[in-house]
Amino acid sequence: DYDERHALPPASMTVSEALRYLLEQSGRTAADLLSVF
C-alpha cells in the first residue's frame, strides 16, 4: 500500500499526467496543491 501511494509515475507521462497520478496515488487532493501554486 505504501509503495503504491509513493510510486513514481511512468516516464511516458506528461508533467500534468504525472502530477494527477501522484495526487491519486498519494491520496491527496487538488486543494493540497494550493500551497505550491
All heavy atoms as atom14 arrays in JSON, in Angstrom:
{
  "sequence": "DYDERHALPPASMTVSEALRYLLEQSGRTAADLLSVF",
  "atom14_mask": [
    [1, 1, 1, 1, 1, 1, 1, 1, 0, 0, 0, 0, 0, 0],
    [1, 1, 1, 1, 1, 1, 1, 1, 1, 1, 1, 1, 0, 0],
    [1, 1, 1, 1, 1, 1, 1, 1, 0, 0, 0, 0, 0, 0],
    [1, 1, 1, 1, 1, 1, 1, 1, 1, 0, 0, 0, 0, 0],
    [1, 1, 1, 1, 1, 1, 1, 1, 1, 1, 1, 0, 0, 0],
    [1, 1, 1, 1, 1, 1, 1, 1, 1, 1, 0, 0, 0, 0],
    [1, 1, 1, 1, 1, 0, 0, 0, 0, 0, 0, 0, 0, 0],
    [1, 1, 1, 1, 1, 1, 1, 1, 0, 0, 0, 0, 0, 0],
    [1, 1, 1, 1, 1, 1, 1, 0, 0, 0, 0, 0, 0, 0],
    [1, 1, 1, 1, 1, 1, 1, 0, 0, 0, 0, 0, 0, 0],
    [1, 1, 1, 1, 1, 0, 0, 0, 0, 0, 0, 0, 0, 0],
    [1, 1, 1, 1, 1, 1, 0, 0, 0, 0, 0, 0, 0, 0],
    [1, 1, 1, 1, 1, 1, 1, 1, 0, 0, 0, 0, 0, 0],
    [1, 1, 1, 1, 1, 1, 1, 0, 0, 0, 0, 0, 0, 0],
    [1, 1, 1, 1, 1, 1, 1, 0, 0, 0, 0, 0, 0, 0],
    [1, 1, 1, 1, 1, 1, 0, 0, 0, 0, 0, 0, 0, 0],
    [1, 1, 1, 1, 1, 1, 1, 1, 1, 0, 0, 0, 0, 0],
    [1, 1, 1, 1, 1, 0, 0, 0, 0, 0, 0, 0, 0, 0],
    [1, 1, 1, 1, 1, 1, 1, 1, 0, 0, 0, 0, 0, 0],
    [1, 1, 1, 1, 1, 1, 1, 1, 1, 1, 1, 0, 0, 0],
    [1, 1, 1, 1, 1, 1, 1, 1, 1, 1, 1, 1, 0, 0],
    [1, 1, 1, 1, 1, 1, 1, 1, 0, 0, 0, 0, 0, 0],
    [1, 1, 1, 1, 1, 1, 1, 1, 0, 0, 0, 0, 0, 0],
    [1, 1, 1, 1, 1, 1, 1, 1, 1, 0, 0, 0, 0, 0],
    [1, 1, 1, 1, 1, 1, 1, 1, 1, 0, 0, 0, 0, 0],
    [1, 1, 1, 1, 1, 1, 0, 0, 0, 0, 0, 0, 0, 0],
    [1, 1, 1, 1, 0, 0, 0, 0, 0, 0, 0, 0, 0, 0],
    [1, 1, 1, 1, 1, 1, 1, 1, 1, 1, 1, 0, 0, 0],
    [1, 1, 1, 1, 1, 1, 1, 0, 0, 0, 0, 0, 0, 0],
    [1, 1, 1, 1, 1, 0, 0, 0, 0, 0, 0, 0, 0, 0],
    [1, 1, 1, 1, 1, 0, 0, 0, 0, 0, 0, 0, 0, 0],
    [1, 1, 1, 1, 1, 1, 1, 1, 0, 0, 0, 0, 0, 0],
    [1, 1, 1, 1, 1, 1, 1, 1, 0, 0, 0, 0, 0, 0],
    [1, 1, 1, 1, 1, 1, 1, 1, 0, 0, 0, 0, 0, 0],
    [1, 1, 1, 1, 1, 1, 0, 0, 0, 0, 0, 0, 0, 0],
    [1, 1, 1, 1, 1, 1, 1, 0, 0, 0, 0, 0, 0, 0],
    [1, 1, 1, 1, 1, 1, 1, 1, 1, 1, 1, 0, 0, 0]
  ],
  "atom14_positions": [
    [[0.84, -1.21, 0.0], [0.0, 0.0, 0.0], [0.87, 1.25, 0.0], [0.64, 2.18, -0.78], [-0.93, 0.0, 1.22], [-1.67, 1.31, 1.37], [-2.53, 1.61, 0.52], [-1.38, 2.04, 2.34], [0.0, 0.0, 0.0], [0.0, 0.0, 0.0], [0.0, 0.0, 0.0], [0.0, 0.0, 0.0], [0.0, 0.0, 0.0], [0.0, 0.0, 0.0]],
    [[1.88, 1.28, 0.86], [2.79, 2.45, 0.91], [3.51, 2.6, -0.42], [3.6, 3.71, -0.96], [3.79, 2.28, 2.04], [4.74, 3.45, 2.18], [4.4, 4.54, 2.97], [5.96, 3.47, 1.52], [5.27, 5.61, 3.11], [6.83, 4.54, 1.65], [6.48, 5.61, 2.44], [7.33, 6.68, 2.56], [0.0, 0.0, 0.0], [0.0, 0.0, 0.0]],
    [[4.01, 1.5, -0.97], [4.71, 1.56, -2.25], [3.81, 2.12, -3.35], [4.25, 2.96, -4.14], [5.2, 0.17, -2.67], [6.41, -0.3, -1.89], [7.11, 0.55, -1.3], [6.66, -1.52, -1.88], [0.0, 0.0, 0.0], [0.0, 0.0, 0.0], [0.0, 0.0, 0.0], [0.0, 0.0, 0.0], [0.0, 0.0, 0.0], [0.0, 0.0, 0.0]],
    [[2.56, 1.69, -3.38], [1.64, 2.17, -4.41], [1.32, 3.65, -4.23], [1.21, 4.39, -5.2], [0.35, 1.35, -4.4], [0.54, -0.04, -4.95], [-0.68, -0.92, -4.8], [-1.71, -0.47, -4.24], [-0.61, -2.08, -5.25], [0.0, 0.0, 0.0], [0.0, 0.0, 0.0], [0.0, 0.0, 0.0], [0.0, 0.0, 0.0], [0.0, 0.0, 0.0]],
    [[1.2, 4.1, -2.99], [0.92, 5.51, -2.73], [2.12, 6.4, -3.01], [1.97, 7.6, -3.19], [0.44, 5.72, -1.3], [-0.98, 5.21, -1.07], [-1.49, 5.52, 0.33], [-0.82, 4.69, 1.33], [-0.15, 5.16, 2.38], [-0.05, 6.44, 2.6], [0.42, 4.33, 3.24], [0.0, 0.0, 0.0], [0.0, 0.0, 0.0], [0.0, 0.0, 0.0]],
    [[3.31, 5.82, -3.01], [4.52, 6.6, -3.23], [5.24, 6.19, -4.52], [6.42, 6.44, -4.68], [5.45, 6.47, -2.03], [4.88, 7.11, -0.82], [4.01, 6.45, 0.02], [5.01, 8.35, -0.32], [3.65, 7.26, 0.99], [4.23, 8.42, 0.81], [0.0, 0.0, 0.0], [0.0, 0.0, 0.0], [0.0, 0.0, 0.0], [0.0, 0.0, 0.0]],
    [[4.5, 5.57, -5.41], [5.08, 5.1, -6.67], [5.41, 6.27, -7.58], [4.73, 7.29, -7.57], [4.1, 4.16, -7.37], [0.0, 0.0, 0.0], [0.0, 0.0, 0.0], [0.0, 0.0, 0.0], [0.0, 0.0, 0.0], [0.0, 0.0, 0.0], [0.0, 0.0, 0.0], [0.0, 0.0, 0.0], [0.0, 0.0, 0.0], [0.0, 0.0, 0.0]],
    [[6.43, 6.09, -8.36], [6.79, 7.09, -9.35], [5.91, 6.92, -10.58], [5.59, 5.8, -10.97], [8.26, 6.94, -9.75], [9.26, 7.29, -8.67], [10.67, 7.01, -9.16], [9.13, 8.74, -8.26], [0.0, 0.0, 0.0], [0.0, 0.0, 0.0], [0.0, 0.0, 0.0], [0.0, 0.0, 0.0], [0.0, 0.0, 0.0], [0.0, 0.0, 0.0]],
    [[5.54, 8.03, -11.2], [4.73, 7.92, -12.42], [5.57, 7.36, -13.55], [6.79, 7.57, -13.59], [4.32, 9.37, -12.69], [5.33, 10.21, -11.99], [5.81, 9.41, -10.82], [0.0, 0.0, 0.0], [0.0, 0.0, 0.0], [0.0, 0.0, 0.0], [0.0, 0.0, 0.0], [0.0, 0.0, 0.0], [0.0, 0.0, 0.0], [0.0, 0.0, 0.0]],
    [[4.94, 6.68, -14.51], [5.68, 6.18, -15.67], [6.34, 7.34, -16.42], [5.78, 8.43, -16.53], [4.6, 5.51, -16.51], [3.52, 5.17, -15.54], [3.55, 6.26, -14.5], [0.0, 0.0, 0.0], [0.0, 0.0, 0.0], [0.0, 0.0, 0.0], [0.0, 0.0, 0.0], [0.0, 0.0, 0.0], [0.0, 0.0, 0.0], [0.0, 0.0, 0.0]],
    [[7.52, 7.1, -16.95], [8.28, 8.15, -17.65], [7.56, 8.67, -18.88], [7.81, 9.8, -19.32], [9.66, 7.62, -18.03], [0.0, 0.0, 0.0], [0.0, 0.0, 0.0], [0.0, 0.0, 0.0], [0.0, 0.0, 0.0], [0.0, 0.0, 0.0], [0.0, 0.0, 0.0], [0.0, 0.0, 0.0], [0.0, 0.0, 0.0], [0.0, 0.0, 0.0]],
    [[6.66, 7.89, -19.45], [5.96, 8.31, -20.67], [4.87, 9.35, -20.4], [4.31, 9.91, -21.34], [5.34, 7.08, -21.35], [4.4, 6.47, -20.46], [0.0, 0.0, 0.0], [0.0, 0.0, 0.0], [0.0, 0.0, 0.0], [0.0, 0.0, 0.0], [0.0, 0.0, 0.0], [0.0, 0.0, 0.0], [0.0, 0.0, 0.0], [0.0, 0.0, 0.0]],
    [[4.57, 9.63, -19.16], [3.51, 10.59, -18.83], [3.97, 12.03, -19.02], [5.14, 12.34, -18.82], [3.07, 10.43, -17.36], [2.27, 9.21, -17.08], [1.69, 9.26, -15.36], [0.5, 7.95, -15.42], [0.0, 0.0, 0.0], [0.0, 0.0, 0.0], [0.0, 0.0, 0.0], [0.0, 0.0, 0.0], [0.0, 0.0, 0.0], [0.0, 0.0, 0.0]],
    [[3.02, 12.88, -19.38], [3.31, 14.3, -19.42], [3.42, 14.81, -17.98], [3.06, 14.09, -17.04], [2.18, 15.08, -20.13], [0.99, 14.98, -19.34], [1.93, 14.55, -21.55], [0.0, 0.0, 0.0], [0.0, 0.0, 0.0], [0.0, 0.0, 0.0], [0.0, 0.0, 0.0], [0.0, 0.0, 0.0], [0.0, 0.0, 0.0], [0.0, 0.0, 0.0]],
    [[3.88, 16.04, -17.82], [4.01, 16.61, -16.47], [2.66, 16.65, -15.78], [2.53, 16.27, -14.61], [4.65, 18.02, -16.55], [4.58, 18.71, -15.21], [6.09, 17.91, -17.03], [0.0, 0.0, 0.0], [0.0, 0.0, 0.0], [0.0, 0.0, 0.0], [0.0, 0.0, 0.0], [0.0, 0.0, 0.0], [0.0, 0.0, 0.0], [0.0, 0.0, 0.0]],
    [[1.62, 17.09, -16.49], [0.3, 17.18, -15.85], [-0.24, 15.79, -15.51], [-0.86, 15.6, -14.46], [-0.69, 17.95, -16.74], [-0.87, 17.31, -17.98], [0.0, 0.0, 0.0], [0.0, 0.0, 0.0], [0.0, 0.0, 0.0], [0.0, 0.0, 0.0], [0.0, 0.0, 0.0], [0.0, 0.0, 0.0], [0.0, 0.0, 0.0], [0.0, 0.0, 0.0]],
    [[-0.01, 14.81, -16.37], [-0.44, 13.43, -16.08], [0.3, 12.9, -14.85], [-0.31, 12.23, -14.0], [-0.18, 12.52, -17.28], [-1.1, 12.77, -18.46], [-0.67, 12.03, -19.71], [0.52, 11.67, -19.84], [-1.55, 11.8, -20.57], [0.0, 0.0, 0.0], [0.0, 0.0, 0.0], [0.0, 0.0, 0.0], [0.0, 0.0, 0.0], [0.0, 0.0, 0.0]],
    [[1.6, 13.19, -14.78], [2.4, 12.74, -13.63], [1.88, 13.38, -12.34], [1.78, 12.72, -11.3], [3.87, 13.08, -13.84], [0.0, 0.0, 0.0], [0.0, 0.0, 0.0], [0.0, 0.0, 0.0], [0.0, 0.0, 0.0], [0.0, 0.0, 0.0], [0.0, 0.0, 0.0], [0.0, 0.0, 0.0], [0.0, 0.0, 0.0], [0.0, 0.0, 0.0]],
    [[1.52, 14.67, -12.41], [1.0, 15.36, -11.24], [-0.33, 14.75, -10.8], [-0.54, 14.48, -9.62], [0.85, 16.85, -11.54], [0.42, 17.75, -10.39], [1.35, 17.61, -9.19], [0.37, 19.2, -10.86], [0.0, 0.0, 0.0], [0.0, 0.0, 0.0], [0.0, 0.0, 0.0], [0.0, 0.0, 0.0], [0.0, 0.0, 0.0], [0.0, 0.0, 0.0]],
    [[-1.22, 14.5, -11.75], [-2.51, 13.86, -11.41], [-2.29, 12.45, -10.85], [-2.93, 12.04, -9.9], [-3.42, 13.83, -12.64], [-3.95, 15.19, -13.03], [-5.08, 15.11, -14.05], [-4.77, 14.31, -15.21], [-4.24, 14.79, -16.35], [-3.95, 16.06, -16.46], [-4.02, 13.98, -17.36], [0.0, 0.0, 0.0], [0.0, 0.0, 0.0], [0.0, 0.0, 0.0]],
    [[-1.34, 11.71, -11.43], [-1.03, 10.36, -10.97], [-0.54, 10.39, -9.52], [-1.0, 9.61, -8.69], [0.04, 9.76, -11.89], [0.56, 8.42, -11.46], [-0.07, 7.24, -11.85], [1.71, 8.31, -10.66], [0.41, 6.01, -11.46], [2.19, 7.07, -10.27], [1.54, 5.93, -10.67], [2.01, 4.71, -10.28], [0.0, 0.0, 0.0], [0.0, 0.0, 0.0]],
    [[0.38, 11.3, -9.22], [0.91, 11.39, -7.86], [-0.17, 11.81, -6.87], [-0.19, 11.32, -5.73], [2.1, 12.34, -7.81], [3.37, 11.8, -8.47], [4.4, 12.9, -8.65], [3.94, 10.65, -7.67], [0.0, 0.0, 0.0], [0.0, 0.0, 0.0], [0.0, 0.0, 0.0], [0.0, 0.0, 0.0], [0.0, 0.0, 0.0], [0.0, 0.0, 0.0]],
    [[-1.05, 12.7, -7.29], [-2.18, 13.08, -6.42], [-3.0, 11.85, -6.08], [-3.32, 11.6, -4.92], [-3.07, 14.12, -7.1], [-2.75, 15.57, -6.91], [-3.75, 16.43, -7.67], [-2.72, 15.98, -5.46], [0.0, 0.0, 0.0], [0.0, 0.0, 0.0], [0.0, 0.0, 0.0], [0.0, 0.0, 0.0], [0.0, 0.0, 0.0], [0.0, 0.0, 0.0]],
    [[-3.36, 11.1, -7.11], [-4.21, 9.92, -6.91], [-3.52, 8.88, -6.05], [-4.11, 8.35, -5.1], [-4.56, 9.32, -8.27], [-5.44, 8.1, -8.17], [-5.74, 7.51, -9.53], [-5.94, 8.28, -10.49], [-5.78, 6.27, -9.63], [0.0, 0.0, 0.0], [0.0, 0.0, 0.0], [0.0, 0.0, 0.0], [0.0, 0.0, 0.0], [0.0, 0.0, 0.0]],
    [[-2.25, 8.59, -6.35], [-1.52, 7.55, -5.62], [-1.28, 7.92, -4.15], [-1.24, 7.05, -3.29], [-0.19, 7.25, -6.29], [-0.32, 6.6, -7.64], [-1.01, 5.26, -7.57], [-0.68, 4.42, -6.76], [-2.0, 5.06, -8.42], [0.0, 0.0, 0.0], [0.0, 0.0, 0.0], [0.0, 0.0, 0.0], [0.0, 0.0, 0.0], [0.0, 0.0, 0.0]],
    [[-1.15, 9.21, -3.89], [-0.85, 9.65, -2.52], [-2.1, 9.87, -1.68], [-2.0, 10.07, -0.47], [-0.03, 10.94, -2.56], [-0.82, 12.01, -3.04], [0.0, 0.0, 0.0], [0.0, 0.0, 0.0], [0.0, 0.0, 0.0], [0.0, 0.0, 0.0], [0.0, 0.0, 0.0], [0.0, 0.0, 0.0], [0.0, 0.0, 0.0], [0.0, 0.0, 0.0]],
    [[-3.26, 9.9, -2.33], [-4.5, 10.16, -1.6], [-4.7, 11.65, -1.32], [-5.6, 12.03, -0.58], [0.0, 0.0, 0.0], [0.0, 0.0, 0.0], [0.0, 0.0, 0.0], [0.0, 0.0, 0.0], [0.0, 0.0, 0.0], [0.0, 0.0, 0.0], [0.0, 0.0, 0.0], [0.0, 0.0, 0.0], [0.0, 0.0, 0.0], [0.0, 0.0, 0.0]],
    [[-3.9, 12.48, -1.93], [-4.04, 13.93, -1.76], [-5.08, 14.45, -2.74], [-5.51, 13.76, -3.65], [-2.7, 14.63, -2.0], [-1.64, 14.24, -1.0], [-0.35, 15.0, -1.29], [0.75, 14.55, -0.48], [0.97, 14.92, 0.77], [0.14, 15.73, 1.37], [2.01, 14.46, 1.43], [0.0, 0.0, 0.0], [0.0, 0.0, 0.0], [0.0, 0.0, 0.0]],
    [[-5.47, 15.72, -2.54], [-6.44, 16.36, -3.43], [-5.82, 17.61, -4.03], [-4.76, 18.08, -3.59], [-7.72, 16.75, -2.66], [-7.38, 17.79, -1.73], [-8.33, 15.56, -1.95], [0.0, 0.0, 0.0], [0.0, 0.0, 0.0], [0.0, 0.0, 0.0], [0.0, 0.0, 0.0], [0.0, 0.0, 0.0], [0.0, 0.0, 0.0], [0.0, 0.0, 0.0]],
    [[-6.51, 18.17, -5.01], [-6.04, 19.41, -5.64], [-5.87, 20.52, -4.61], [-4.97, 21.36, -4.73], [-7.0, 19.83, -6.75], [0.0, 0.0, 0.0], [0.0, 0.0, 0.0], [0.0, 0.0, 0.0], [0.0, 0.0, 0.0], [0.0, 0.0, 0.0], [0.0, 0.0, 0.0], [0.0, 0.0, 0.0], [0.0, 0.0, 0.0], [0.0, 0.0, 0.0]],
    [[-6.69, 20.51, -3.59], [-6.58, 21.53, -2.53], [-5.22, 21.47, -1.83], [-4.72, 22.5, -1.37], [-7.71, 21.37, -1.51], [0.0, 0.0, 0.0], [0.0, 0.0, 0.0], [0.0, 0.0, 0.0], [0.0, 0.0, 0.0], [0.0, 0.0, 0.0], [0.0, 0.0, 0.0], [0.0, 0.0, 0.0], [0.0, 0.0, 0.0], [0.0, 0.0, 0.0]],
    [[-4.61, 20.3, -1.8], [-3.29, 20.15, -1.18], [-2.2, 20.86, -1.98], [-1.09, 21.04, -1.49], [-2.93, 18.68, -1.01], [-3.85, 17.97, -0.03], [-4.2, 18.57, 0.99], [-4.23, 16.81, -0.32], [0.0, 0.0, 0.0], [0.0, 0.0, 0.0], [0.0, 0.0, 0.0], [0.0, 0.0, 0.0], [0.0, 0.0, 0.0], [0.0, 0.0, 0.0]],
    [[-2.51, 21.24, -3.22], [-1.53, 21.9, -4.08], [-1.59, 23.42, -3.99], [-0.78, 24.11, -4.6], [-1.72, 21.45, -5.53], [-1.57, 19.96, -5.79], [-1.81, 19.65, -7.26], [-0.21, 19.45, -5.34], [0.0, 0.0, 0.0], [0.0, 0.0, 0.0], [0.0, 0.0, 0.0], [0.0, 0.0, 0.0], [0.0, 0.0, 0.0], [0.0, 0.0, 0.0]],
    [[-2.54, 23.93, -3.23], [-2.66, 25.39, -3.11], [-1.39, 26.01, -2.52], [-0.98, 27.1, -2.93], [-3.87, 25.77, -2.26], [-5.21, 25.66, -2.97], [-6.35, 25.87, -1.98], [-5.3, 26.67, -4.11], [0.0, 0.0, 0.0], [0.0, 0.0, 0.0], [0.0, 0.0, 0.0], [0.0, 0.0, 0.0], [0.0, 0.0, 0.0], [0.0, 0.0, 0.0]],
    [[-0.75, 25.32, -1.61], [0.48, 25.86, -1.02], [1.61, 25.94, -2.04], [2.55, 26.7, -1.87], [0.91, 25.01, 0.18], [1.23, 23.7, -0.24], [0.0, 0.0, 0.0], [0.0, 0.0, 0.0], [0.0, 0.0, 0.0], [0.0, 0.0, 0.0], [0.0, 0.0, 0.0], [0.0, 0.0, 0.0], [0.0, 0.0, 0.0], [0.0, 0.0, 0.0]],
    [[1.51, 25.16, -3.11], [2.54, 25.18, -4.15], [2.23, 26.24, -5.2], [3.09, 27.0, -5.61], [2.65, 23.79, -4.83], [3.6, 23.82, -6.01], [3.06, 22.73, -3.82], [0.0, 0.0, 0.0], [0.0, 0.0, 0.0], [0.0, 0.0, 0.0], [0.0, 0.0, 0.0], [0.0, 0.0, 0.0], [0.0, 0.0, 0.0], [0.0, 0.0, 0.0]],
    [[0.95, 26.3, -5.63], [0.58, 27.17, -6.74], [-0.07, 28.48, -6.32], [-0.16, 29.41, -7.12], [-0.35, 26.42, -7.7], [0.34, 25.29, -8.41], [0.18, 23.99, -7.98], [1.18, 25.53, -9.49], [0.82, 22.94, -8.63], [1.82, 24.5, -10.14], [1.64, 23.19, -9.71], [0.0, 0.0, 0.0], [0.0, 0.0, 0.0], [0.0, 0.0, 0.0]]
  ]
}
